[in-house]
Amino acid sequence: MKKMMYKLLATFAQKIVRKYGPDIVAITGSVGKTTAKEAVIRVLSETFRVRGNEKSYNNELGVPLTIIGALAPGRSFFGWFRVFVRAFSLLLRKDPHYPSILVVEMGADAPGDIEYLVSIAPPKIGVITAIGPTHLEKLGSIEQLIAEKNKIFSRHTQSDQWMVLNADDPALVEMGSVGSGSVFAGTAKSVPGPTYQTLTFGEHPDAILRITDVKERYVFHPDQGEVMSGVSCTLTYNGVSAQCEFLKLVGRHVLPSIIAGAAVGCIYHIPLAEIAHRLHEAEPAVGRMHLIAGIKHTLLIDDTYNSSPNAARGALDTLMSFEIDGDARRIAVLGDMRELGSHTEKEHRALGVYAGTSGIDYLFAVGGASSFVAEGVRDSHLDASRIFVFNDSASAGRALQDIMKKGDVILIKGSQNVLRMERIVKEVMADPERAKELLVRQDKEWM
């Protein structure tokens, strides 16, 4: 029954796309999809009618719902009835307010996922944020992951088709180099299927949309009432440069996802200075490198939406970049990274070594696989008295409360799973009554 309903939703969505002909900007990648989606919407929505996925509707259910313009009604029969009525009415009559651009995340947990989603919503612009070791449990290897992500370009149907790639990711540079010409030249490529143009972005000197002069500053001095965060850079495109300041951005590793939004704006001929202005207030969605006040005058870096090896390293780099008071500590609370398959032990152990050598003061490892993180931290010679291992979030949160003291900065990160690392944030945040506003997975279906 469920499969039949999904198929019917997909059929309606395909017909709606054919009828209204919106430009589809499809975003995939191992990290940063939602942040990139929000950046694209922020850049385009002042000029065009734009709709993006709600929450992280990036699968066989979410993409059709985005096209229809509806939320998943859970188990409500009447709710699903209303979804199908809405879909049917979009086909029956012409809605003059239907978006001219749809911005959709496309996730890939298993082979065939991306190909199925682009068959529903063929993109004019495909964006890949980065490639890293995620979803390897079903995809098997990095090579298979790259092949799956590359399918986002397999169903282009328009004459002005684009691939937008992170020039600082070697896997993406290789992907964009298929066929004749350089990936950085912006010329047409030939891959199996239609031709398309390439726009690369990044700090690579040959990137088409070039990022230079990246600066970041993070400060936490509770006695002086000082909390400061922000990333700045210079963007250059077609010989024109613009200064960008992202006052709500925490983490240099998040910057490429924001700049992916700028790249899409360039394709739509929005002036670079205007793009910089529209992105000035850009910030990741909740649960993604968000600063939250903690108990005992501490600061929490809430990165509990999900986790993967590259993202976890970037989050640790940001933690260690914080300027703090002399006797304050930097504490890493790291939960399991899921769907790594046979790479699980190796990647968790490597993350532990990275955490230990980065200079953290304490490690809280949460979950079965994170015991390997603890072992990696021990291998990097962090004193055993500063390493704690827990099976669940509740016990980790209680222990963290006891050790926290004024001025500490605490990173809390883990994959979306039964551990629910956001529960630790709720346990130690200064204003738990704001949890629904500030934390991920606070809706009824999660509680």
Protein backbone atom coordinates (compact mmCIF):
# COMPACT_ATOMS: atom_id res chain seq x y z
CA MET A 1 0.00 0.00 0.00
CA LYS A 2 2.80 2.39 0.98
CA LYS A 3 4.71 1.61 -2.22
CA MET A 4 1.60 2.22 -4.31
CA MET A 5 0.98 5.57 -2.61
CA TYR A 6 4.57 6.69 -3.21
CA LYS A 7 4.29 5.69 -6.88
CA LEU A 8 1.05 7.66 -7.22
CA LEU A 9 2.64 10.71 -5.57
CA ALA A 10 5.60 10.46 -7.94
CA THR A 11 3.28 10.25 -10.97
CA PHE A 12 1.37 13.36 -9.87
CA ALA A 13 4.65 15.18 -9.21
CA GLN A 14 6.03 14.29 -12.67
CA LYS A 15 2.89 15.57 -14.35
CA ILE A 16 2.97 18.80 -12.32
CA VAL A 17 6.59 19.42 -13.33
CA ARG A 18 5.74 18.83 -16.99
CA LYS A 19 2.72 21.13 -16.82
CA TYR A 20 4.31 24.09 -15.01
CA GLY A 21 7.88 23.70 -16.25
CA PRO A 22 9.68 25.16 -13.22
CA ASP A 23 13.46 25.36 -13.20
CA ILE A 24 14.65 22.68 -10.79
CA VAL A 25 17.78 23.25 -8.75
CA ALA A 26 18.71 19.86 -7.31
CA ILE A 27 21.24 19.66 -4.47
CA THR A 28 23.05 16.57 -3.30
CA GLY A 29 26.30 15.77 -1.53
CA SER A 30 27.64 14.08 1.59
CA VAL A 31 27.34 17.20 3.75
CA GLY A 32 25.71 20.62 3.70
CA LYS A 33 22.69 19.94 1.48
CA THR A 34 20.17 21.77 3.65
CA THR A 35 22.48 24.74 4.24
CA ALA A 36 23.10 24.99 0.48
CA LYS A 37 19.36 24.74 -0.22
CA GLU A 38 18.60 27.56 2.21
CA ALA A 39 21.38 29.69 0.68
CA VAL A 40 20.01 29.16 -2.85
CA ILE A 41 16.51 30.11 -1.70
CA ARG A 42 17.85 33.21 0.09
CA VAL A 43 19.67 34.34 -3.08
CA LEU A 44 16.84 33.67 -5.55
CA SER A 45 13.64 34.42 -3.63
CA GLU A 46 13.87 38.22 -3.94
CA THR A 47 13.85 37.88 -7.73
CA PHE A 48 11.81 34.75 -8.47
CA ARG A 49 8.93 32.69 -7.04
CA VAL A 50 10.87 29.96 -5.25
CA ARG A 51 9.93 26.90 -3.21
CA GLY A 52 12.30 24.55 -1.40
CA ASN A 53 11.97 21.29 0.52
CA GLU A 54 10.39 21.63 3.92
CA LYS A 55 12.67 20.35 6.69
CA SER A 56 14.85 17.73 4.99
CA TYR A 57 12.32 16.31 2.54
CA ASN A 58 14.98 14.82 0.29
CA ASN A 59 13.71 11.32 -0.48
CA GLU A 60 11.09 9.43 -2.50
CA LEU A 61 8.36 10.96 -0.36
CA GLY A 62 9.78 14.42 0.29
CA VAL A 63 10.61 15.42 -3.29
CA PRO A 64 7.07 14.76 -4.64
CA LEU A 65 5.57 16.55 -1.62
CA THR A 66 7.80 19.56 -2.34
CA ILE A 67 6.60 19.65 -5.94
CA ILE A 68 2.98 19.37 -4.81
CA GLY A 69 3.52 21.95 -2.06
CA ALA A 70 2.33 19.84 0.85
CA LEU A 71 3.61 18.52 4.17
CA ALA A 72 3.55 14.85 5.12
CA PRO A 73 0.39 14.34 7.19
CA GLY A 74 1.70 11.31 9.07
CA ARG A 75 -0.92 8.62 9.59
CA SER A 76 -3.89 10.87 8.89
CA PHE A 77 -6.10 9.41 6.13
CA PHE A 78 -7.84 12.74 5.63
CA GLY A 79 -4.47 14.48 5.55
CA TRP A 80 -3.29 12.25 2.69
CA PHE A 81 -6.62 12.73 0.96
CA ARG A 82 -6.02 16.51 1.03
CA VAL A 83 -2.50 16.02 -0.40
CA PHE A 84 -3.90 14.12 -3.41
CA VAL A 85 -6.73 16.62 -3.85
CA ARG A 86 -4.14 19.39 -3.97
CA ALA A 87 -2.08 17.49 -6.53
CA PHE A 88 -5.12 16.82 -8.68
CA SER A 89 -6.25 20.46 -8.52
CA LEU A 90 -2.81 21.63 -9.68
CA LEU A 91 -3.28 19.50 -12.79
CA LEU A 92 -6.93 20.34 -13.29
CA ARG A 93 -6.43 24.12 -13.33
CA LYS A 94 -3.52 26.48 -13.80
CA ASP A 95 -2.19 27.95 -10.55
CA PRO A 96 -0.73 31.39 -11.47
CA HIS A 97 1.29 31.42 -8.24
CA TYR A 98 3.09 28.12 -8.79
CA PRO A 99 6.86 28.59 -8.23
CA SER A 100 9.07 29.33 -11.19
CA ILE A 101 12.00 27.65 -9.39
CA LEU A 102 11.97 24.56 -7.17
CA VAL A 103 15.02 24.01 -4.97
CA VAL A 104 15.16 20.39 -3.84
CA GLU A 105 17.60 18.34 -1.82
CA MET A 106 18.17 14.86 -3.16
CA GLY A 107 19.53 12.31 -0.70
CA ALA A 108 21.12 8.99 -1.57
CA ASP A 109 21.09 6.18 0.98
CA ALA A 110 21.22 3.33 -1.53
CA PRO A 111 21.98 2.71 -5.22
CA GLY A 112 19.29 4.10 -7.52
CA ASP A 113 17.99 6.75 -5.11
CA ILE A 114 19.26 9.77 -7.07
CA GLU A 115 18.25 8.35 -10.44
CA TYR A 116 14.71 7.81 -9.15
CA LEU A 117 14.45 11.35 -7.77
CA VAL A 118 15.73 13.02 -10.95
CA SER A 119 13.23 10.97 -12.96
CA ILE A 120 10.55 12.82 -10.98
CA ALA A 121 12.25 16.23 -11.03
CA PRO A 122 14.85 16.59 -13.85
CA PRO A 123 17.18 19.42 -12.79
CA LYS A 124 18.22 22.43 -14.81
CA ILE A 125 20.98 22.96 -12.25
CA GLY A 126 22.59 20.14 -10.29
CA VAL A 127 24.69 21.09 -7.26
CA ILE A 128 27.05 18.74 -5.42
CA THR A 129 28.35 20.22 -2.16
CA ALA A 130 31.05 17.67 -1.31
CA ILE A 131 31.78 13.96 -1.35
CA GLY A 132 32.83 12.08 1.78
CA PRO A 133 32.41 8.71 3.51
CA THR A 134 28.66 8.66 4.21
CA HIS A 135 25.93 6.08 3.51
CA LEU A 136 28.62 3.46 2.78
CA GLU A 137 26.60 0.76 4.50
CA LYS A 138 24.43 0.34 1.39
CA LEU A 139 26.55 2.11 -1.23
CA GLY A 140 29.65 0.08 -0.36
CA SER A 141 32.51 2.40 -1.34
CA ILE A 142 33.42 6.01 -2.05
CA GLU A 143 33.57 5.12 -5.76
CA GLN A 144 29.98 3.87 -5.71
CA LEU A 145 28.93 6.93 -3.72
CA ILE A 146 30.47 9.21 -6.38
CA ALA A 147 28.76 7.24 -9.14
CA GLU A 148 25.41 7.60 -7.35
CA LYS A 149 25.79 11.35 -6.79
CA ASN A 150 26.81 11.80 -10.43
CA LYS A 151 23.36 10.57 -11.47
CA ILE A 152 21.98 13.97 -10.51
CA PHE A 153 23.14 15.00 -14.00
CA SER A 154 21.58 12.03 -15.80
CA ARG A 155 18.15 13.47 -16.65
CA HIS A 156 18.74 17.02 -17.85
CA THR A 157 16.02 17.99 -20.30
CA GLN A 158 16.69 21.66 -21.00
CA SER A 159 19.15 23.39 -23.31
CA ASP A 160 20.82 25.52 -20.62
CA GLN A 161 21.86 22.85 -18.13
CA TRP A 162 24.44 23.35 -15.39
CA MET A 163 26.51 21.38 -12.95
CA VAL A 164 27.75 23.30 -9.90
CA LEU A 165 30.71 21.66 -8.18
CA ASN A 166 32.97 22.35 -5.21
CA ALA A 167 36.39 22.93 -6.80
CA ASP A 168 38.17 22.10 -3.53
CA ASP A 169 36.88 18.53 -3.52
CA PRO A 170 39.18 16.28 -5.62
CA ALA A 171 36.40 13.76 -6.23
CA LEU A 172 34.17 16.45 -7.72
CA VAL A 173 36.96 17.89 -9.87
CA GLU A 174 37.47 14.42 -11.35
CA MET A 175 33.72 14.05 -11.88
CA GLY A 176 33.48 17.37 -13.70
CA SER A 177 36.44 16.53 -15.91
CA VAL A 178 34.63 13.71 -17.70
CA GLY A 179 34.71 14.43 -21.41
CA SER A 180 36.63 17.16 -23.19
CA GLY A 181 37.95 20.37 -21.69
CA SER A 182 38.91 21.44 -18.18
CA VAL A 183 36.46 21.31 -15.31
CA PHE A 184 37.41 24.91 -14.54
CA ALA A 185 36.82 26.30 -18.01
CA GLY A 186 33.06 26.55 -17.77
CA THR A 187 32.68 24.90 -21.16
CA ALA A 188 30.22 22.22 -22.17
CA LYS A 189 30.95 18.72 -20.97
CA SER A 190 30.05 15.43 -22.54
CA VAL A 191 28.91 12.66 -20.25
CA PRO A 192 26.50 9.87 -21.07
CA GLY A 193 23.36 11.86 -21.83
CA PRO A 194 23.01 15.56 -22.61
CA THR A 195 25.72 18.21 -22.50
CA TYR A 196 25.87 20.75 -19.70
CA GLN A 197 27.92 23.69 -18.49
CA THR A 198 30.05 23.66 -15.36
CA LEU A 199 30.41 26.31 -12.68
CA THR A 200 32.99 25.50 -10.03
CA PHE A 201 33.34 27.38 -6.75
CA GLY A 202 35.96 27.30 -4.04
CA GLU A 203 39.42 28.41 -2.97
CA HIS A 204 41.12 26.54 -5.80
CA PRO A 205 42.95 29.18 -7.89
CA ASP A 206 41.17 28.04 -11.06
CA ALA A 207 37.64 27.97 -9.61
CA ILE A 208 35.19 29.96 -11.71
CA LEU A 209 33.59 31.49 -8.61
CA ARG A 210 36.70 32.07 -6.51
CA ILE A 211 36.80 32.34 -2.71
CA THR A 212 39.78 34.23 -1.25
CA ASP A 213 40.78 35.98 1.98
CA VAL A 214 38.76 33.69 4.22
CA LYS A 215 38.76 34.88 7.81
CA GLU A 216 36.92 33.54 10.82
CA ARG A 217 36.71 34.63 14.42
CA TYR A 218 34.96 32.97 17.33
CA VAL A 219 35.08 34.47 20.82
CA PHE A 220 33.49 33.46 24.12
CA HIS A 221 34.25 35.52 27.24
CA PRO A 222 31.23 35.25 29.57
CA ASP A 223 32.58 37.74 32.13
CA GLN A 224 32.73 40.40 29.44
CA GLY A 225 29.40 39.31 27.96
CA GLU A 226 31.19 38.62 24.69
CA VAL A 227 30.04 36.00 22.21
CA MET A 228 31.26 36.57 18.68
CA SER A 229 31.13 34.45 15.56
CA GLY A 230 31.45 35.00 11.87
CA VAL A 231 33.19 34.14 8.63
CA SER A 232 34.20 36.59 5.91
CA CYS A 233 35.69 36.19 2.45
CA THR A 234 36.04 37.77 -0.98
CA LEU A 235 34.14 36.33 -3.94
CA THR A 236 35.32 36.87 -7.52
CA TYR A 237 33.35 35.96 -10.63
CA ASN A 238 33.98 37.08 -14.22
CA GLY A 239 36.50 39.67 -13.04
CA VAL A 240 34.13 41.24 -10.49
CA SER A 241 34.79 40.95 -6.74
CA ALA A 242 32.56 41.42 -3.70
CA GLN A 243 33.25 41.35 0.03
CA CYS A 244 31.10 38.90 1.99
CA GLU A 245 30.49 38.80 5.73
CA PHE A 246 28.45 35.98 7.20
CA LEU A 247 27.79 37.10 10.74
CA LYS A 248 25.77 34.02 11.73
CA LEU A 249 28.03 31.42 10.19
CA VAL A 250 29.97 29.14 12.53
CA GLY A 251 32.58 26.93 10.91
CA ARG A 252 34.77 27.44 7.88
CA HIS A 253 33.73 23.97 6.69
CA VAL A 254 30.15 25.29 6.31
CA LEU A 255 31.25 28.10 3.97
CA PRO A 256 31.21 26.02 0.72
CA SER A 257 27.51 25.25 1.19
CA ILE A 258 26.73 28.95 1.52
CA ILE A 259 28.83 29.77 -1.55
CA ALA A 260 26.98 27.09 -3.52
CA GLY A 261 24.00 29.44 -3.17
CA ALA A 262 26.09 32.28 -4.60
CA ALA A 263 27.08 30.08 -7.55
CA VAL A 264 23.45 29.41 -8.43
CA GLY A 265 22.77 33.17 -8.17
CA CYS A 266 25.54 33.78 -10.70
CA ILE A 267 23.87 31.40 -13.16
CA TYR A 268 20.70 33.52 -12.86
CA HIS A 269 22.74 36.69 -13.55
CA ILE A 270 22.20 38.26 -10.12
CA PRO A 271 25.01 40.82 -9.51
CA LEU A 272 27.71 39.53 -7.18
CA ALA A 273 27.37 42.47 -4.77
CA GLU A 274 23.63 41.79 -4.51
CA ILE A 275 24.30 38.10 -3.85
CA ALA A 276 26.70 39.06 -1.05
CA HIS A 277 24.05 41.33 0.43
CA ARG A 278 21.36 38.63 0.32
CA LEU A 279 23.66 36.11 2.01
CA HIS A 280 24.80 38.49 4.76
CA GLU A 281 22.37 37.00 7.30
CA ALA A 282 22.68 33.43 6.03
CA GLU A 283 22.91 30.74 8.67
CA PRO A 284 22.64 26.97 8.76
CA ALA A 285 19.38 25.37 9.84
CA VAL A 286 18.88 24.31 13.46
CA GLY A 287 21.10 21.49 14.63
CA ARG A 288 23.87 22.50 12.25
CA MET A 289 26.69 24.45 13.96
CA HIS A 290 24.30 26.63 15.97
CA LEU A 291 25.50 28.49 19.05
CA ILE A 292 23.25 28.06 22.09
CA ALA A 293 23.74 29.40 25.63
CA GLY A 294 24.53 26.60 28.07
CA ILE A 295 24.07 26.26 31.81
CA LYS A 296 26.77 27.64 34.12
CA HIS A 297 27.61 30.42 31.62
CA THR A 298 28.91 28.01 28.97
CA LEU A 299 28.48 27.99 25.20
CA LEU A 300 27.17 25.03 23.19
CA ILE A 301 27.91 24.33 19.54
CA ASP A 302 24.83 22.35 18.55
CA ASP A 303 25.68 20.18 15.55
CA THR A 304 23.33 17.33 16.35
CA TYR A 305 21.37 17.04 13.10
CA ASN A 306 23.78 14.47 11.67
CA SER A 307 27.42 13.49 11.50
CA SER A 308 30.01 12.13 9.11
CA PRO A 309 33.82 11.97 9.25
CA ASN A 310 34.57 15.15 7.28
CA ALA A 311 31.85 17.19 8.97
CA ALA A 312 32.97 16.02 12.41
CA ARG A 313 36.54 17.09 11.70
CA GLY A 314 35.34 20.49 10.52
CA ALA A 315 33.27 20.90 13.68
CA LEU A 316 36.28 20.01 15.83
CA ASP A 317 38.40 22.58 13.97
CA THR A 318 35.78 25.22 14.79
CA LEU A 319 35.69 24.20 18.47
CA MET A 320 39.45 24.60 18.68
CA SER A 321 39.27 28.01 16.93
CA PHE A 322 37.28 29.55 19.78
CA GLU A 323 39.01 32.21 21.81
CA ILE A 324 38.16 31.42 25.44
CA ASP A 325 39.18 32.48 28.95
CA GLY A 326 42.41 31.07 30.32
CA ASP A 327 40.98 28.39 32.61
CA ALA A 328 38.01 27.45 30.38
CA ARG A 329 37.97 24.18 28.45
CA ARG A 330 36.97 22.91 25.01
CA ILE A 331 34.86 19.78 25.33
CA ALA A 332 33.86 17.47 22.47
CA VAL A 333 30.74 15.32 22.85
CA LEU A 334 30.75 12.95 19.89
CA GLY A 335 28.08 10.38 19.07
CA ASP A 336 28.12 7.53 16.59
CA MET A 337 28.49 8.26 12.88
CA ARG A 338 26.04 5.92 11.18
CA GLU A 339 25.83 4.13 7.84
CA LEU A 340 29.58 3.67 7.42
CA GLY A 341 29.35 -0.10 6.97
CA SER A 342 32.73 -1.84 7.00
CA HIS A 343 34.42 1.56 7.45
CA THR A 344 32.82 2.10 10.87
CA GLU A 345 35.73 1.17 13.13
CA LYS A 346 38.39 2.80 10.96
CA GLU A 347 36.55 6.11 10.59
CA HIS A 348 35.59 6.37 14.27
CA ARG A 349 39.12 5.55 15.41
CA ALA A 350 40.56 8.10 12.96
CA LEU A 351 38.17 10.74 14.25
CA GLY A 352 39.35 10.01 17.80
CA VAL A 353 42.97 10.49 16.82
CA TYR A 354 42.04 13.75 15.10
CA ALA A 355 40.10 14.95 18.17
CA GLY A 356 42.94 14.10 20.52
CA THR A 357 45.68 15.72 18.46
CA SER A 358 43.54 18.83 17.94
CA GLY A 359 43.93 19.65 21.62
CA ILE A 360 40.46 19.11 23.13
CA ASP A 361 40.36 19.09 26.92
CA TYR A 362 37.67 16.43 27.37
CA LEU A 363 35.97 13.82 25.22
CA PHE A 364 32.49 12.41 25.83
CA ALA A 365 31.99 9.47 23.43
CA VAL A 366 28.34 8.37 23.10
CA GLY A 367 27.15 5.12 21.52
CA GLY A 368 28.62 1.75 20.65
CA ALA A 369 30.75 2.81 17.68
CA SER A 370 32.04 5.85 19.54
CA SER A 371 34.05 3.55 21.81
CA PHE A 372 36.44 3.48 18.84
CA VAL A 373 36.59 7.30 19.01
CA ALA A 374 37.62 6.97 22.65
CA GLU A 375 40.32 4.48 21.70
CA GLY A 376 41.61 6.85 19.03
CA VAL A 377 41.75 9.71 21.54
CA ARG A 378 43.71 7.50 23.95
CA ASP A 379 46.11 6.67 21.14
CA SER A 380 46.70 10.42 20.71
CA HIS A 381 47.69 10.57 24.41
CA LEU A 382 44.79 12.50 25.93
CA ASP A 383 44.79 11.58 29.62
CA ALA A 384 42.37 8.73 30.33
CA SER A 385 40.78 10.74 33.18
CA ARG A 386 39.48 13.17 30.54
CA ILE A 387 37.79 10.52 28.39
CA PHE A 388 34.25 9.32 29.14
CA VAL A 389 32.23 6.69 27.27
CA PHE A 390 28.43 6.34 27.44
CA ASN A 391 25.85 4.07 25.84
CA ASP A 392 23.08 6.67 25.73
CA SER A 393 22.44 10.39 25.59
CA ALA A 394 20.69 10.61 28.96
CA SER A 395 23.66 9.41 30.99
CA ALA A 396 26.06 11.49 28.88
CA GLY A 397 23.98 14.62 29.50
CA ARG A 398 23.91 14.10 33.26
CA ALA A 399 27.67 13.53 33.42
CA LEU A 400 28.35 16.54 31.21
CA GLN A 401 26.38 18.77 33.58
CA ASP A 402 28.66 17.79 36.43
CA ILE A 403 31.88 18.61 34.62
CA MET A 404 30.84 21.86 32.89
CA LYS A 405 32.13 25.13 34.30
CA LYS A 406 31.96 28.79 33.41
CA GLY A 407 33.58 29.73 30.11
CA ASP A 408 33.61 26.23 28.60
CA VAL A 409 32.76 25.77 24.92
CA ILE A 410 31.15 22.40 24.19
CA LEU A 411 30.66 20.79 20.77
CA ILE A 412 27.82 18.24 20.63
CA LYS A 413 27.64 16.21 17.42
CA GLY A 414 26.31 12.84 16.28
CA SER A 415 24.36 11.07 13.57
CA GLN A 416 20.60 11.04 13.29
CA ASN A 417 19.80 7.83 15.16
CA VAL A 418 18.40 6.37 18.36
CA LEU A 419 21.02 8.23 20.40
CA ARG A 420 19.28 11.54 19.63
CA MET A 421 22.25 13.76 20.58
CA GLU A 422 19.96 16.81 20.68
CA ARG A 423 18.70 15.43 23.99
CA ILE A 424 22.10 16.24 25.48
CA VAL A 425 21.79 19.82 24.24
CA LYS A 426 18.36 20.08 25.83
CA GLU A 427 19.78 18.74 29.10
CA VAL A 428 22.50 21.39 29.35
CA MET A 429 21.07 24.42 27.49
CA ALA A 430 20.34 27.50 29.58
CA ASP A 431 16.78 27.87 28.23
CA PRO A 432 15.31 24.37 27.73
CA GLU A 433 11.87 25.92 27.31
CA ARG A 434 13.12 27.13 23.91
CA ALA A 435 13.98 23.61 22.76
CA LYS A 436 11.20 23.48 20.16
CA GLU A 437 12.53 26.67 18.60
CA LEU A 438 16.26 25.92 18.79
CA LEU A 439 16.72 22.16 18.48
CA VAL A 440 16.16 19.55 15.79
CA ARG A 441 13.58 16.77 15.95
CA GLN A 442 11.20 18.45 18.36
CA ASP A 443 8.06 17.66 16.34
CA LYS A 444 5.40 15.26 17.59
CA GLU A 445 6.61 12.35 15.47
CA TRP A 446 10.00 12.48 17.24
CA MET A 447 8.83 13.03 20.80
